N, C-alpha and C. Protein backbone atom coordinates (compact mmCIF):
# COMPACT_ATOMS: atom_id res chain seq x y z
N MET A 1 85.13 106.85 82.85
CA MET A 1 85.26 106.24 84.17
C MET A 1 86.56 105.48 84.24
N ASN A 2 87.18 105.51 85.37
CA ASN A 2 88.44 104.83 85.58
C ASN A 2 88.18 103.35 85.81
N TYR A 3 88.83 102.50 85.01
CA TYR A 3 88.60 101.07 85.13
C TYR A 3 89.13 100.52 86.45
N LYS A 4 90.09 101.20 87.06
CA LYS A 4 90.62 100.74 88.34
C LYS A 4 89.54 100.79 89.42
N LYS A 5 88.65 101.79 89.35
CA LYS A 5 87.56 101.88 90.32
C LYS A 5 86.62 100.69 90.17
N SER A 6 86.39 100.26 88.93
CA SER A 6 85.52 99.10 88.70
C SER A 6 86.13 97.83 89.26
N ILE A 7 87.44 97.69 89.09
CA ILE A 7 88.11 96.50 89.60
C ILE A 7 88.09 96.50 91.12
N ILE A 8 88.34 97.64 91.74
CA ILE A 8 88.30 97.73 93.21
C ILE A 8 86.89 97.43 93.71
N GLY A 9 85.88 97.96 93.03
CA GLY A 9 84.49 97.68 93.41
C GLY A 9 84.16 96.21 93.29
N SER A 10 84.66 95.57 92.26
CA SER A 10 84.38 94.13 92.09
C SER A 10 85.08 93.31 93.16
N ILE A 11 86.26 93.72 93.57
CA ILE A 11 86.96 93.00 94.64
C ILE A 11 86.19 93.15 95.95
N ILE A 12 85.73 94.36 96.24
CA ILE A 12 84.94 94.58 97.46
C ILE A 12 83.66 93.74 97.43
N ALA A 13 82.98 93.73 96.28
CA ALA A 13 81.75 92.93 96.16
C ALA A 13 82.05 91.45 96.33
N PHE A 14 83.19 91.00 95.80
CA PHE A 14 83.57 89.59 95.94
C PHE A 14 83.81 89.24 97.41
N VAL A 15 84.51 90.11 98.12
CA VAL A 15 84.78 89.86 99.54
C VAL A 15 83.47 89.80 100.32
N ILE A 16 82.56 90.71 100.02
CA ILE A 16 81.27 90.71 100.72
C ILE A 16 80.46 89.47 100.35
N ALA A 17 80.48 89.09 99.07
CA ALA A 17 79.69 87.93 98.62
C ALA A 17 80.20 86.64 99.22
N THR A 18 81.48 86.53 99.44
CA THR A 18 82.03 85.29 100.00
C THR A 18 82.14 85.33 101.52
N SER A 19 81.60 86.37 102.13
CA SER A 19 81.71 86.50 103.59
C SER A 19 80.99 85.36 104.32
N CYS A 20 80.03 84.73 103.67
CA CYS A 20 79.34 83.61 104.33
C CYS A 20 80.28 82.43 104.54
N CYS A 21 81.37 82.40 103.79
CA CYS A 21 82.32 81.30 103.93
C CYS A 21 83.44 81.62 104.93
N TRP A 22 84.02 82.79 104.83
CA TRP A 22 85.18 83.10 105.68
C TRP A 22 84.84 83.85 106.96
N LEU A 23 83.72 84.59 106.96
CA LEU A 23 83.38 85.39 108.14
C LEU A 23 83.10 84.55 109.37
N PRO A 24 82.35 83.44 109.27
CA PRO A 24 82.14 82.62 110.48
C PRO A 24 83.44 82.08 111.06
N ALA A 25 84.34 81.65 110.20
CA ALA A 25 85.62 81.14 110.70
C ALA A 25 86.41 82.24 111.39
N LEU A 26 86.39 83.44 110.84
CA LEU A 26 87.09 84.57 111.45
C LEU A 26 86.48 84.92 112.80
N ILE A 27 85.16 84.92 112.86
CA ILE A 27 84.47 85.26 114.12
C ILE A 27 84.77 84.21 115.19
N ILE A 28 84.77 82.94 114.81
CA ILE A 28 85.08 81.87 115.77
C ILE A 28 86.50 82.04 116.29
N MET A 29 87.42 82.37 115.40
CA MET A 29 88.81 82.56 115.84
C MET A 29 88.94 83.75 116.77
N LEU A 30 88.12 84.77 116.58
CA LEU A 30 88.19 85.95 117.43
C LEU A 30 87.39 85.80 118.72
N GLY A 31 86.55 84.75 118.81
CA GLY A 31 85.84 84.48 120.05
C GLY A 31 84.42 85.00 120.11
N GLY A 32 83.86 85.55 119.09
CA GLY A 32 82.50 86.08 119.13
C GLY A 32 81.56 85.25 118.32
N ALA A 33 81.67 83.97 118.41
CA ALA A 33 80.95 83.06 117.54
C ALA A 33 79.44 83.16 117.67
N SER A 34 78.92 83.09 118.85
CA SER A 34 77.47 82.98 119.00
C SER A 34 76.71 84.21 118.51
N SER A 35 77.19 85.39 118.80
CA SER A 35 76.44 86.58 118.39
C SER A 35 76.64 86.93 116.91
N MET A 36 77.80 86.67 116.41
CA MET A 36 78.09 87.09 115.04
C MET A 36 77.71 86.04 113.99
N LEU A 37 77.54 84.81 114.39
CA LEU A 37 77.14 83.79 113.42
C LEU A 37 75.76 84.08 112.85
N ALA A 38 74.89 84.63 113.66
CA ALA A 38 73.56 85.00 113.17
C ALA A 38 73.66 86.08 112.10
N PHE A 39 74.56 87.04 112.31
CA PHE A 39 74.78 88.09 111.32
C PHE A 39 75.31 87.51 110.01
N ALA A 40 76.27 86.59 110.09
CA ALA A 40 76.84 85.96 108.89
C ALA A 40 75.78 85.15 108.16
N LYS A 41 74.92 84.49 108.94
CA LYS A 41 73.84 83.69 108.33
C LYS A 41 72.88 84.61 107.58
N GLY A 42 72.64 85.80 108.11
CA GLY A 42 71.77 86.77 107.44
C GLY A 42 72.36 87.30 106.14
N ILE A 43 73.67 87.46 106.10
CA ILE A 43 74.34 87.94 104.88
C ILE A 43 74.33 86.87 103.80
N GLU A 44 74.32 85.61 104.23
CA GLU A 44 74.39 84.49 103.28
C GLU A 44 73.25 84.53 102.25
N GLN A 45 72.08 84.96 102.65
CA GLN A 45 70.95 84.98 101.72
C GLN A 45 71.15 85.97 100.58
N PHE A 46 72.04 86.95 100.75
CA PHE A 46 72.31 87.94 99.70
C PHE A 46 73.60 87.66 98.93
N SER A 47 74.23 86.53 99.18
CA SER A 47 75.52 86.24 98.55
C SER A 47 75.41 86.17 97.03
N GLY A 48 74.32 85.66 96.51
CA GLY A 48 74.15 85.60 95.05
C GLY A 48 74.12 86.99 94.42
N VAL A 49 73.46 87.92 95.09
CA VAL A 49 73.40 89.30 94.60
C VAL A 49 74.79 89.92 94.62
N PHE A 50 75.52 89.73 95.73
CA PHE A 50 76.87 90.29 95.83
C PHE A 50 77.81 89.67 94.80
N MET A 51 77.67 88.39 94.56
CA MET A 51 78.52 87.73 93.57
C MET A 51 78.21 88.26 92.17
N ALA A 52 76.95 88.46 91.86
CA ALA A 52 76.58 89.00 90.55
C ALA A 52 77.12 90.41 90.37
N ILE A 53 77.00 91.23 91.40
CA ILE A 53 77.55 92.59 91.34
C ILE A 53 79.06 92.55 91.15
N GLY A 54 79.71 91.66 91.85
CA GLY A 54 81.16 91.53 91.73
C GLY A 54 81.59 91.12 90.34
N VAL A 55 80.94 90.12 89.78
CA VAL A 55 81.28 89.65 88.44
C VAL A 55 81.00 90.73 87.40
N LEU A 56 79.86 91.40 87.50
CA LEU A 56 79.53 92.47 86.55
C LEU A 56 80.51 93.63 86.65
N SER A 57 80.92 93.99 87.84
CA SER A 57 81.90 95.06 88.01
C SER A 57 83.25 94.68 87.41
N LEU A 58 83.65 93.44 87.60
CA LEU A 58 84.91 92.97 87.03
C LEU A 58 84.86 92.97 85.51
N VAL A 59 83.77 92.48 84.94
CA VAL A 59 83.61 92.48 83.47
C VAL A 59 83.61 93.90 82.93
N TYR A 60 82.93 94.80 83.61
CA TYR A 60 82.89 96.20 83.17
C TYR A 60 84.27 96.84 83.23
N GLY A 61 85.03 96.56 84.26
CA GLY A 61 86.39 97.08 84.37
C GLY A 61 87.29 96.58 83.26
N VAL A 62 87.20 95.30 82.93
CA VAL A 62 87.99 94.74 81.83
C VAL A 62 87.55 95.35 80.50
N PHE A 63 86.26 95.53 80.31
CA PHE A 63 85.74 96.16 79.09
C PHE A 63 86.31 97.57 78.92
N LEU A 64 86.28 98.37 79.98
CA LEU A 64 86.81 99.73 79.90
C LEU A 64 88.29 99.75 79.61
N TYR A 65 89.02 98.82 80.18
CA TYR A 65 90.46 98.74 79.95
C TYR A 65 90.75 98.47 78.48
N TYR A 66 90.12 97.48 77.88
CA TYR A 66 90.38 97.14 76.49
C TYR A 66 89.84 98.20 75.53
N LYS A 67 88.76 98.85 75.90
CA LYS A 67 88.22 99.94 75.06
C LYS A 67 89.22 101.09 75.00
N LYS A 68 89.79 101.44 76.13
CA LYS A 68 90.78 102.52 76.18
C LYS A 68 92.04 102.12 75.42
N ARG A 69 92.45 100.88 75.57
CA ARG A 69 93.66 100.39 74.89
C ARG A 69 93.47 100.40 73.37
N LYS A 70 92.30 99.97 72.91
CA LYS A 70 92.01 99.95 71.48
C LYS A 70 91.96 101.36 70.91
N ALA A 71 91.38 102.30 71.66
CA ALA A 71 91.31 103.69 71.21
C ALA A 71 92.69 104.29 71.06
N ALA A 72 93.62 103.92 71.91
CA ALA A 72 94.99 104.44 71.82
C ALA A 72 95.69 103.90 70.58
N ILE A 73 95.40 102.68 70.19
CA ILE A 73 96.04 102.08 69.02
C ILE A 73 95.48 102.67 67.73
N VAL A 74 94.19 102.94 67.68
CA VAL A 74 93.53 103.41 66.46
C VAL A 74 93.78 104.90 66.20
N SER A 75 94.31 105.63 67.17
CA SER A 75 94.40 107.08 67.07
C SER A 75 95.43 107.60 66.07
N ILE A 76 96.16 106.74 65.37
CA ILE A 76 97.13 107.18 64.37
C ILE A 76 96.38 107.69 63.15
N GLU A 77 96.61 108.95 62.78
CA GLU A 77 95.94 109.54 61.63
C GLU A 77 96.88 109.51 60.43
N VAL A 78 96.40 109.02 59.31
CA VAL A 78 97.20 108.88 58.10
C VAL A 78 97.11 110.16 57.27
N GLN A 79 98.26 110.62 56.80
CA GLN A 79 98.31 111.77 55.90
C GLN A 79 98.40 111.25 54.47
N LEU A 80 97.58 111.81 53.59
CA LEU A 80 97.52 111.32 52.22
C LEU A 80 98.23 112.22 51.21
N LEU A 81 98.63 113.42 51.60
CA LEU A 81 99.31 114.33 50.68
C LEU A 81 100.82 114.30 50.93
N SER A 82 101.59 114.13 49.85
CA SER A 82 103.05 114.10 49.94
C SER A 82 103.61 114.89 48.76
N THR A 83 104.68 115.61 48.97
CA THR A 83 105.32 116.37 47.89
C THR A 83 106.47 115.56 47.34
N ILE A 84 106.37 115.20 46.06
CA ILE A 84 107.42 114.42 45.39
C ILE A 84 108.41 115.39 44.74
N THR A 85 109.70 115.12 44.95
CA THR A 85 110.76 115.93 44.36
C THR A 85 111.52 115.06 43.37
N CYS A 86 111.58 115.50 42.13
CA CYS A 86 112.30 114.77 41.08
C CYS A 86 113.80 114.89 41.34
N PRO A 87 114.52 113.76 41.39
CA PRO A 87 115.95 113.82 41.65
C PRO A 87 116.75 114.34 40.44
N LYS A 88 116.15 114.35 39.25
CA LYS A 88 116.87 114.79 38.05
C LYS A 88 116.78 116.29 37.84
N CYS A 89 115.59 116.86 37.98
CA CYS A 89 115.43 118.29 37.70
C CYS A 89 115.06 119.11 38.94
N GLY A 90 114.70 118.45 40.04
CA GLY A 90 114.37 119.17 41.27
C GLY A 90 112.94 119.70 41.34
N ASN A 91 112.11 119.36 40.36
CA ASN A 91 110.72 119.81 40.34
C ASN A 91 109.95 119.19 41.52
N ASN A 92 109.13 120.01 42.19
CA ASN A 92 108.29 119.55 43.31
C ASN A 92 106.83 119.58 42.91
N LYS A 93 106.09 118.55 43.35
CA LYS A 93 104.65 118.55 43.12
C LYS A 93 103.98 117.78 44.25
N GLU A 94 102.91 118.39 44.78
CA GLU A 94 102.15 117.72 45.83
C GLU A 94 101.16 116.76 45.18
N GLU A 95 101.20 115.52 45.62
CA GLU A 95 100.33 114.47 45.06
C GLU A 95 99.60 113.77 46.20
N GLU A 96 98.42 113.23 45.87
CA GLU A 96 97.68 112.43 46.83
C GLU A 96 98.09 110.97 46.67
N MET A 97 98.40 110.34 47.78
CA MET A 97 98.86 108.94 47.74
C MET A 97 97.67 107.99 47.69
N PRO A 98 97.79 106.92 46.92
CA PRO A 98 96.72 105.91 46.93
C PRO A 98 96.73 105.13 48.24
N THR A 99 95.57 104.72 48.68
CA THR A 99 95.47 103.96 49.94
C THR A 99 95.32 102.47 49.70
N ASN A 100 95.04 102.08 48.46
CA ASN A 100 94.77 100.67 48.19
C ASN A 100 95.88 99.98 47.39
N ALA A 101 96.94 100.71 46.99
CA ALA A 101 98.02 100.10 46.21
C ALA A 101 99.26 100.98 46.31
N CYS A 102 100.41 100.37 46.06
CA CYS A 102 101.66 101.13 46.00
C CYS A 102 101.81 101.73 44.60
N GLN A 103 102.49 102.86 44.53
CA GLN A 103 102.74 103.50 43.24
C GLN A 103 104.21 103.27 42.91
N TYR A 104 104.45 102.41 41.91
CA TYR A 104 105.82 102.02 41.56
C TYR A 104 106.45 102.97 40.56
N PHE A 105 105.65 103.70 39.80
CA PHE A 105 106.18 104.60 38.79
C PHE A 105 105.55 105.98 38.95
N TYR A 106 106.36 107.00 38.67
CA TYR A 106 105.85 108.38 38.69
C TYR A 106 106.59 109.15 37.61
N GLU A 107 105.82 109.83 36.74
CA GLU A 107 106.42 110.62 35.67
C GLU A 107 106.47 112.08 36.09
N CYS A 108 107.69 112.64 36.06
CA CYS A 108 107.89 114.04 36.42
C CYS A 108 107.25 114.93 35.34
N GLU A 109 106.47 115.92 35.78
CA GLU A 109 105.82 116.83 34.83
C GLU A 109 106.82 117.69 34.07
N SER A 110 107.92 118.02 34.72
CA SER A 110 108.88 118.94 34.13
C SER A 110 109.80 118.27 33.12
N CYS A 111 110.53 117.25 33.53
CA CYS A 111 111.53 116.63 32.64
C CYS A 111 111.08 115.30 32.04
N LYS A 112 109.88 114.85 32.40
CA LYS A 112 109.28 113.60 31.89
C LYS A 112 110.06 112.35 32.30
N ALA A 113 110.93 112.45 33.30
CA ALA A 113 111.65 111.27 33.80
C ALA A 113 110.67 110.38 34.55
N VAL A 114 110.82 109.07 34.38
CA VAL A 114 109.98 108.11 35.09
C VAL A 114 110.75 107.65 36.33
N LEU A 115 110.18 107.95 37.49
CA LEU A 115 110.83 107.60 38.76
C LEU A 115 110.37 106.22 39.22
N ASN A 116 111.32 105.45 39.73
CA ASN A 116 111.06 104.14 40.34
C ASN A 116 111.48 104.21 41.81
N PRO A 117 110.94 103.36 42.65
CA PRO A 117 111.36 103.37 44.06
C PRO A 117 112.85 103.01 44.19
N LYS A 118 113.50 103.60 45.17
CA LYS A 118 114.88 103.25 45.47
C LYS A 118 114.92 101.85 46.08
N LYS A 119 116.07 101.22 46.04
CA LYS A 119 116.21 99.88 46.60
C LYS A 119 115.88 99.93 48.10
N GLY A 120 115.02 99.03 48.55
CA GLY A 120 114.60 98.97 49.94
C GLY A 120 113.30 99.72 50.22
N ASP A 121 112.87 100.56 49.29
CA ASP A 121 111.60 101.29 49.45
C ASP A 121 110.51 100.58 48.67
N CYS A 122 109.27 100.75 49.10
CA CYS A 122 108.16 100.04 48.47
C CYS A 122 107.51 100.84 47.35
N CYS A 123 107.65 102.18 47.37
CA CYS A 123 106.97 102.98 46.37
C CYS A 123 107.70 104.31 46.18
N VAL A 124 107.28 105.07 45.17
CA VAL A 124 107.94 106.35 44.88
C VAL A 124 107.72 107.37 45.99
N PHE A 125 106.64 107.27 46.73
CA PHE A 125 106.40 108.21 47.83
C PHE A 125 107.39 107.99 48.97
N CYS A 126 107.73 106.73 49.22
CA CYS A 126 108.72 106.44 50.26
C CYS A 126 110.11 106.89 49.84
N SER A 127 110.39 106.86 48.53
CA SER A 127 111.71 107.23 48.03
C SER A 127 111.87 108.73 47.81
N TYR A 128 110.88 109.39 47.23
CA TYR A 128 111.03 110.78 46.79
C TYR A 128 110.01 111.74 47.42
N GLY A 129 109.13 111.24 48.24
CA GLY A 129 108.09 112.08 48.84
C GLY A 129 108.49 112.61 50.21
N THR A 130 107.77 113.62 50.65
CA THR A 130 108.01 114.20 51.97
C THR A 130 107.38 113.36 53.08
N ILE A 131 106.38 112.54 52.73
CA ILE A 131 105.68 111.68 53.69
C ILE A 131 105.62 110.28 53.11
N ALA A 132 105.88 109.28 53.94
CA ALA A 132 105.84 107.89 53.50
C ALA A 132 104.40 107.47 53.17
N CYS A 133 104.27 106.37 52.45
CA CYS A 133 102.95 105.88 52.05
C CYS A 133 102.12 105.46 53.27
N PRO A 134 100.78 105.38 53.11
CA PRO A 134 99.89 105.07 54.25
C PRO A 134 100.23 103.79 55.02
N PRO A 135 100.56 102.66 54.37
CA PRO A 135 100.90 101.47 55.17
C PRO A 135 102.12 101.68 56.06
N ILE A 136 103.13 102.39 55.57
CA ILE A 136 104.32 102.65 56.37
C ILE A 136 103.98 103.59 57.53
N GLN A 137 103.10 104.56 57.30
CA GLN A 137 102.69 105.46 58.38
C GLN A 137 101.99 104.71 59.51
N GLN A 138 101.30 103.63 59.15
CA GLN A 138 100.56 102.84 60.15
C GLN A 138 101.38 101.67 60.70
N ASN A 139 102.69 101.67 60.42
CA ASN A 139 103.59 100.60 60.89
C ASN A 139 103.15 99.23 60.42
N GLN A 140 102.67 99.16 59.18
CA GLN A 140 102.26 97.89 58.58
C GLN A 140 103.23 97.56 57.46
N ASN A 141 103.17 96.32 57.01
CA ASN A 141 103.94 95.96 55.82
C ASN A 141 103.33 96.68 54.64
N CYS A 142 104.19 97.08 53.74
CA CYS A 142 103.68 97.81 52.56
C CYS A 142 103.08 96.82 51.57
N CYS A 143 102.77 97.32 50.42
CA CYS A 143 102.00 96.57 49.42
C CYS A 143 102.78 95.44 48.75
N ASN A 144 104.04 95.23 49.08
CA ASN A 144 104.86 94.19 48.42
C ASN A 144 104.26 92.83 48.61
């Protein structure tokens, strides 16, 4: 459901609920006071119902807005597989990245070189992998 419809509905309900206050003044200004005041007095008994509908519609519209906004933020999917390339021998291997810690060291299977992150990177996946580590993918601070 579109949250804008809920907000418009709540505004309409608010206008109707408060009609007991502004409608008599409007009718007097327009010159139809005696016949229309009875109508306004009749609406007044339902003002509590209209106010409740208005408030509930407004709350529902705000709820839908924030629900949609939160869903858009959470929709980033993290990839956990990255291919590390050894800078010394060029060997490639697909590895699964840890989600709870940074990996500071990686030993190449081919040449047995121990890789460390480059300056400015938080882990070996950010330095030598095809995909950055999970915290970087989610635009968060890394494990440092």
